[in-house]
């Protein structure tokens, strides 16, 4: 397939105190979230000056990708568009049309399949193209990459380093806890043609990262974080904080928390893990270490390059460590919200 551009598609985030509530209203539009709840969440951002780290992380990734593409002689301009904050996707698609882009590949900053981590990005891309109208470039999304070596190995190294920071705790008393953003159980059941793709992929990523990191004697669990829905709606459980309570009660002395559901340190990592979970662990008497995310790790950057080449050249090998099926185009109606 011939492509003439690559667009980084991300969630977006506020870049100052005055941006926080408008951003949160964008994120929750149509969901009936009370203003009081938005104000509560806004306080998390205000702890960091009203700035989400995600936009700076996208800029860093774009800078590294420009160098990576140049070294690989990939003559493809890079663009960046967000779902919920500047630069918005329609603005980006409009700029791409003005530059003469006809067909682009989209790299989305979520490796997994579900409505919120895949289908919603596809819908937003389609909506942006419709808003731009005639001449809007075709945009194809790159496949899921939850098991790519460029994703698994940086997480594995980070887990190894975090485990080393707890070397004074008996290894038999340390638990490795993988986390990802929780979603409604019904949403997970609708993810993928057979259902359950989101949780299945995360279990596969957890297994691969644990195998990469070692040591074998450290047990691991996959738990969930950052739930935001009404209490009467079932979401994936257990929550990280509930799980910490259970581990402490079972005699565990130390935990390494690895946010494998995130490619970089989003606000959900900085607040929900580094602040709330870390404080909860301290209260429970648990030693706590949080493993880093890939960010702009050179292996992650090279992964994006490889995924672009793979899509452009069908004969190119697919670098994968897992066994779950992946595909280049999602079936119509795949991964509904419920």
Protein backbone atom coordinates (compact mmCIF):
# COMPACT_ATOMS: atom_id res chain seq x y z
CA UNK A 1 0.00 0.00 0.00
CA UNK A 2 1.27 3.48 -0.84
CA UNK A 3 1.12 6.09 1.92
CA UNK A 4 2.36 9.66 1.85
CA UNK A 5 2.15 10.63 5.56
CA UNK A 6 1.94 9.31 9.13
CA UNK A 7 -0.28 10.90 11.77
CA UNK A 8 0.14 10.41 15.51
CA UNK A 9 -3.33 10.21 17.05
CA UNK A 10 -3.58 10.65 20.81
CA UNK A 11 -5.98 11.42 23.62
CA UNK A 12 -4.86 14.98 24.31
CA UNK A 13 -4.59 16.81 27.60
CA UNK A 14 -4.70 20.26 29.18
CA UNK A 15 -1.61 22.44 29.09
CA UNK A 16 -2.58 24.97 31.76
CA UNK A 17 -5.02 25.45 34.66
CA UNK A 18 -7.59 27.22 32.47
CA UNK A 19 -7.67 24.25 30.08
CA UNK A 20 -8.57 21.59 32.63
CA UNK A 21 -12.37 21.86 32.90
CA UNK A 22 -12.93 22.49 29.15
CA UNK A 23 -10.77 19.45 28.44
CA UNK A 24 -12.69 17.26 30.89
CA UNK A 25 -15.98 18.44 29.39
CA UNK A 26 -14.69 17.33 25.98
CA UNK A 27 -13.75 13.91 27.34
CA UNK A 28 -17.11 13.32 29.05
CA UNK A 29 -19.41 14.99 26.52
CA UNK A 30 -22.73 13.14 26.23
CA UNK A 31 -22.09 10.92 29.26
CA UNK A 32 -24.01 12.97 31.81
CA UNK A 33 -21.09 13.32 34.21
CA UNK A 34 -22.00 15.86 36.94
CA UNK A 35 -20.02 19.09 37.09
CA UNK A 36 -19.09 18.28 40.69
CA UNK A 37 -17.35 15.10 39.55
CA UNK A 38 -15.46 17.03 36.87
CA UNK A 39 -14.29 19.50 39.50
CA UNK A 40 -13.05 16.60 41.63
CA UNK A 41 -11.05 15.14 38.75
CA UNK A 42 -9.78 18.61 37.84
CA UNK A 43 -8.04 18.75 41.21
CA UNK A 44 -5.83 15.85 40.14
CA UNK A 45 -4.57 17.94 37.22
CA UNK A 46 -4.13 21.02 39.39
CA UNK A 47 -1.64 19.07 41.52
CA UNK A 48 0.56 19.17 38.41
CA UNK A 49 -0.03 22.81 37.54
CA UNK A 50 -3.05 22.02 35.38
CA UNK A 51 -0.80 20.33 32.83
CA UNK A 52 -1.16 16.78 31.58
CA UNK A 53 2.18 15.28 30.54
CA UNK A 54 0.68 13.59 27.49
CA UNK A 55 1.12 16.44 25.00
CA UNK A 56 4.79 16.96 25.92
CA UNK A 57 5.29 13.21 25.56
CA UNK A 58 3.71 13.29 22.09
CA UNK A 59 6.03 16.13 21.07
CA UNK A 60 9.03 14.15 22.28
CA UNK A 61 7.88 11.04 20.43
CA UNK A 62 7.35 13.04 17.24
CA UNK A 63 10.84 14.49 17.48
CA UNK A 64 12.38 11.04 17.87
CA UNK A 65 10.25 9.65 15.05
CA UNK A 66 11.46 12.37 12.70
CA UNK A 67 15.05 11.29 13.34
CA UNK A 68 14.13 7.61 13.08
CA UNK A 69 12.31 8.08 9.77
CA UNK A 70 15.19 10.11 8.35
CA UNK A 71 17.71 7.43 9.32
CA UNK A 72 15.53 4.76 7.69
CA UNK A 73 15.00 6.94 4.59
CA UNK A 74 11.26 6.94 5.17
CA UNK A 75 10.20 10.08 3.34
CA UNK A 76 6.89 10.49 5.15
CA UNK A 77 5.85 13.75 6.85
CA UNK A 78 4.60 13.39 10.42
CA UNK A 79 1.42 15.01 11.73
CA UNK A 80 -0.25 14.98 15.14
CA UNK A 81 -3.92 15.19 16.07
CA UNK A 82 -5.78 14.67 19.38
CA UNK A 83 -9.25 13.51 20.25
CA UNK A 84 -9.88 15.88 23.14
CA UNK A 85 -7.52 18.87 23.00
CA UNK A 86 -5.32 20.90 20.70
CA UNK A 87 -4.18 20.01 18.13
CA UNK A 88 -7.62 18.56 17.38
CA UNK A 89 -7.92 15.86 14.73
CA UNK A 90 -10.07 17.94 12.32
CA UNK A 91 -7.43 20.72 12.37
CA UNK A 92 -4.76 18.15 11.57
CA UNK A 93 -6.74 16.47 8.79
CA UNK A 94 -7.44 19.89 7.27
CA UNK A 95 -3.69 20.68 7.31
CA UNK A 96 -2.93 17.31 5.72
CA UNK A 97 -5.40 18.02 2.91
CA UNK A 98 -3.82 21.45 2.35
CA UNK A 99 -0.40 19.80 2.10
CA UNK A 100 -1.66 17.40 -0.56
CA UNK A 101 -1.72 14.24 1.56
CA UNK A 102 -3.87 11.59 -0.10
CA UNK A 103 -3.47 8.54 2.14
CA UNK A 104 -1.95 8.38 5.64
CA UNK A 105 -1.21 5.84 8.34
CA UNK A 106 -2.39 6.58 11.88
CA UNK A 107 -0.32 5.47 14.86
CA UNK A 108 -2.61 5.56 17.90
CA UNK A 109 -1.14 5.88 21.39
CA UNK A 110 -3.00 2.82 22.66
CA UNK A 111 -1.79 -0.70 21.84
CA UNK A 112 -5.02 -2.50 22.67
CA UNK A 113 -8.43 -3.31 21.28
CA UNK A 114 -11.71 -2.09 22.83
CA UNK A 115 -14.17 0.70 22.19
CA UNK A 116 -12.24 3.35 24.15
CA UNK A 117 -8.75 2.23 23.13
CA UNK A 118 -9.38 1.49 19.44
CA UNK A 119 -12.88 1.86 17.96
CA UNK A 120 -13.39 5.36 19.40
CA UNK A 121 -10.18 6.49 17.68
CA UNK A 122 -11.46 5.06 14.40
CA UNK A 123 -14.77 6.86 14.88
CA UNK A 124 -13.00 10.14 15.65
CA UNK A 125 -10.80 9.80 12.57
CA UNK A 126 -13.92 9.20 10.46
CA UNK A 127 -15.66 12.19 12.05
CA UNK A 128 -12.65 14.42 11.41
CA UNK A 129 -12.54 13.39 7.75
CA UNK A 130 -16.27 14.04 7.43
CA UNK A 131 -15.88 17.50 8.98
CA UNK A 132 -13.07 18.38 6.58
CA UNK A 133 -15.10 17.07 3.68
CA UNK A 134 -14.07 16.72 0.05
CA UNK A 135 -10.41 15.94 -0.43
CA UNK A 136 -9.82 14.74 3.14
CA UNK A 137 -7.09 12.10 3.06
CA UNK A 138 -7.83 8.45 3.62
CA UNK A 139 -6.43 7.39 7.01
CA UNK A 140 -5.71 3.78 7.94
CA UNK A 141 -4.99 2.82 11.54
CA UNK A 142 -1.91 0.73 12.34
CA UNK A 143 -2.62 -2.63 13.98
CA UNK A 144 -2.54 -3.38 17.71
CA UNK A 145 1.01 -3.67 19.07
CA UNK A 146 0.49 -4.98 22.60
CA UNK A 147 2.93 -7.86 22.00
CA UNK A 148 5.53 -6.10 19.87
CA UNK A 149 9.11 -6.44 21.21
CA UNK A 150 9.42 -2.64 21.08
CA UNK A 151 6.58 -2.40 23.59
CA UNK A 152 7.23 -5.46 25.75
CA UNK A 153 10.99 -5.11 26.25
CA UNK A 154 11.05 -1.51 27.56
CA UNK A 155 8.33 -2.47 30.03
CA UNK A 156 10.35 -5.56 30.97
CA UNK A 157 13.52 -3.58 31.62
CA UNK A 158 11.55 -1.08 33.70
CA UNK A 159 10.11 -3.89 35.83
CA UNK A 160 13.59 -5.33 36.33
CA UNK A 161 14.88 -1.95 37.52
CA UNK A 162 11.92 -1.48 39.87
CA UNK A 163 12.44 -4.95 41.34
CA UNK A 164 16.10 -4.10 41.91
CA UNK A 165 15.04 -1.02 43.91
CA UNK A 166 13.37 -3.42 46.38
CA UNK A 167 16.40 -5.69 46.66
CA UNK A 168 16.37 -5.33 50.46
CA UNK A 169 12.96 -7.05 50.56
CA UNK A 170 12.93 -10.86 50.43
CA UNK A 171 12.01 -11.74 46.83
CA UNK A 172 9.43 -14.28 48.05
CA UNK A 173 7.59 -11.39 49.71
CA UNK A 174 7.44 -9.17 46.63
CA UNK A 175 4.52 -9.17 44.17
CA UNK A 176 4.56 -7.79 40.64
CA UNK A 177 1.29 -6.01 39.88
CA UNK A 178 0.42 -5.01 36.31
CA UNK A 179 -2.21 -2.33 35.80
CA UNK A 180 -4.31 -0.98 32.95
CA UNK A 181 -7.24 1.41 32.69
CA UNK A 182 -10.43 -0.34 33.70
CA UNK A 183 -13.39 -0.37 31.31
CA UNK A 184 -17.01 -1.45 31.76
CA UNK A 185 -17.29 -5.23 31.71
CA UNK A 186 -19.83 -5.00 28.88
CA UNK A 187 -17.34 -2.98 26.82
CA UNK A 188 -14.69 -5.66 27.30
CA UNK A 189 -17.21 -8.33 26.33
CA UNK A 190 -17.80 -6.47 23.04
CA UNK A 191 -14.10 -6.00 22.21
CA UNK A 192 -12.91 -8.04 19.24
CA UNK A 193 -14.92 -10.42 17.05
CA UNK A 194 -15.13 -13.04 19.82
CA UNK A 195 -15.30 -10.61 22.75
CA UNK A 196 -12.92 -10.01 25.62
CA UNK A 197 -10.06 -8.87 23.38
CA UNK A 198 -9.01 -6.00 25.67
CA UNK A 199 -8.50 -8.10 28.79
CA UNK A 200 -7.02 -10.98 26.76
CA UNK A 201 -4.43 -8.71 25.18
CA UNK A 202 -3.51 -7.24 28.53
CA UNK A 203 -3.08 -10.68 30.06
CA UNK A 204 -0.81 -11.55 27.14
CA UNK A 205 1.22 -8.37 27.60
CA UNK A 206 1.52 -9.06 31.33
CA UNK A 207 2.75 -12.59 30.69
CA UNK A 208 5.29 -11.40 28.12
CA UNK A 209 6.60 -8.55 30.28
CA UNK A 210 6.89 -10.83 33.31
CA UNK A 211 8.85 -13.35 31.25
CA UNK A 212 11.09 -10.58 29.92
CA UNK A 213 11.74 -9.14 33.37
CA UNK A 214 12.11 -12.18 35.61
CA UNK A 215 12.97 -13.43 38.13
CA UNK A 216 10.70 -16.45 37.84
CA UNK A 217 9.97 -16.63 41.56
CA UNK A 218 8.13 -13.28 41.60
CA UNK A 219 4.39 -13.85 41.29
CA UNK A 220 2.34 -11.41 39.24
CA UNK A 221 -1.25 -10.21 38.94
CA UNK A 222 -3.16 -8.08 36.44
CA UNK A 223 -5.43 -5.50 38.06
CA UNK A 224 -7.24 -2.35 36.97
CA UNK A 225 -7.16 1.34 37.75
CA UNK A 226 -8.78 4.71 37.05
CA UNK A 227 -12.41 3.58 37.02
CA UNK A 228 -14.68 6.54 36.30
CA UNK A 229 -18.21 5.18 35.79
CA UNK A 230 -21.34 5.05 37.98
CA UNK A 231 -21.16 2.45 40.79
CA UNK A 232 -24.10 0.43 39.47
CA UNK A 233 -22.27 -0.38 36.21
CA UNK A 234 -19.87 -3.36 36.49
CA UNK A 235 -16.27 -2.58 35.49
CA UNK A 236 -13.21 -4.81 35.27
CA UNK A 237 -11.88 -5.62 38.73
CA UNK A 238 -10.00 -5.82 41.06
CA UNK A 239 -9.03 -2.19 41.47
CA UNK A 240 -5.37 -1.56 42.26
CA UNK A 241 -6.13 -0.12 45.71
CA UNK A 242 -8.40 -3.00 46.69
CA UNK A 243 -5.70 -5.38 45.50
CA UNK A 244 -3.05 -3.68 47.63
CA UNK A 245 -5.30 -4.26 50.66
CA UNK A 246 -5.53 -7.97 49.78
CA UNK A 247 -1.77 -8.29 49.28
CA UNK A 248 -0.99 -6.65 52.60
CA UNK A 249 -3.47 -8.96 54.34
CA UNK A 250 -1.75 -11.95 52.69
CA UNK A 251 1.65 -10.98 54.10
CA UNK A 252 3.21 -9.45 50.99
CA UNK A 253 5.88 -6.92 51.97
CA UNK A 254 6.65 -5.17 48.69
CA UNK A 255 4.96 -4.44 45.36
CA UNK A 256 6.25 -3.41 41.98
CA UNK A 257 3.48 -1.77 39.96
CA UNK A 258 3.91 -1.80 36.17
CA UNK A 259 1.35 0.25 34.16
CA UNK A 260 1.45 -1.92 31.03
CA UNK A 261 -1.77 -0.34 29.77
CA UNK A 262 0.05 2.96 29.13
CA UNK A 263 2.78 3.86 26.66
CA UNK A 264 3.85 6.90 28.73
CA UNK A 265 3.25 8.59 32.08
CA UNK A 266 -0.28 9.90 31.67
CA UNK A 267 -2.04 11.74 34.50
CA UNK A 268 -3.61 8.39 35.45
CA UNK A 269 -0.11 7.10 36.14
CA UNK A 270 1.13 10.18 38.00
CA UNK A 271 -1.99 10.58 40.14
CA UNK A 272 -3.68 7.19 40.39
CA UNK A 273 -0.45 5.22 40.89
CA UNK A 274 2.35 7.56 42.00
CA UNK A 275 0.05 9.46 44.36
CA UNK A 276 -3.02 7.48 45.46
CA UNK A 277 -1.71 3.91 45.18
CA UNK A 278 1.70 4.86 46.62
CA UNK A 279 0.04 6.55 49.61
CA UNK A 280 -2.23 3.55 50.10
CA UNK A 281 0.75 1.20 50.02
CA UNK A 282 2.54 3.32 52.62
CA UNK A 283 -0.52 3.21 54.87
CA UNK A 284 -0.58 -0.58 54.53
CA UNK A 285 3.12 -0.94 55.28
CA UNK A 286 3.97 -2.12 51.77
CA UNK A 287 7.19 -1.13 50.06
CA UNK A 288 6.18 0.35 46.70
CA UNK A 289 8.03 0.82 43.41
CA UNK A 290 6.46 1.94 40.17
CA UNK A 291 8.01 0.72 36.92
CA UNK A 292 8.55 3.24 34.13
CA UNK A 293 6.60 3.35 30.86
CA UNK A 294 8.28 3.20 27.41
CA UNK A 295 7.83 6.89 26.50
CA UNK A 296 10.41 7.68 23.83
CA UNK A 297 12.58 4.61 24.48
CA UNK A 298 14.55 3.98 21.25
CA UNK A 299 13.05 0.50 20.93
CA UNK A 300 9.54 1.94 21.09
CA UNK A 301 10.42 4.57 18.49
CA UNK A 302 11.88 1.87 16.23
CA UNK A 303 8.70 -0.14 16.73
CA UNK A 304 6.63 2.68 15.18
CA UNK A 305 8.99 2.75 12.19
CA UNK A 306 8.70 -1.04 11.83
CA UNK A 307 4.90 -0.94 12.02
CA UNK A 308 4.81 1.68 9.26
CA UNK A 309 7.12 -0.37 7.03
CA UNK A 310 5.13 -3.52 7.78
CA UNK A 311 1.93 -1.87 6.56
CA UNK A 312 3.57 -0.39 3.47
CA UNK A 313 5.34 -3.61 2.52
CA UNK A 314 3.10 -6.67 3.05
CA UNK A 315 6.07 -9.04 2.68
CA UNK A 316 7.89 -7.41 5.61
CA UNK A 317 8.09 -9.63 8.71
CA UNK A 318 5.76 -8.95 11.63
CA UNK A 319 7.64 -8.63 14.90
CA UNK A 320 5.46 -10.26 17.54
CA UNK A 321 5.99 -12.15 20.79
CA UNK A 322 2.39 -13.23 21.42
CA UNK A 323 -0.08 -15.63 19.89
CA UNK A 324 -3.37 -13.70 19.90
CA UNK A 325 -4.46 -12.80 16.37
CA UNK A 326 -3.99 -9.26 15.09
CA UNK A 327 -5.27 -7.69 11.89
CA UNK A 328 -4.78 -4.55 9.84
CA UNK A 329 -8.44 -3.57 9.45
CA UNK A 330 -11.13 -3.88 12.09
CA UNK A 331 -14.40 -5.53 11.03
CA UNK A 332 -17.41 -3.23 10.77
CA UNK A 333 -19.14 -2.98 14.13
CA UNK A 334 -16.13 -4.31 16.04
CA UNK A 335 -15.63 -3.22 19.68
CA UNK A 336 -18.85 -1.44 20.51
CA UNK A 337 -19.11 0.65 23.67
CA UNK A 338 -21.56 -1.86 25.21
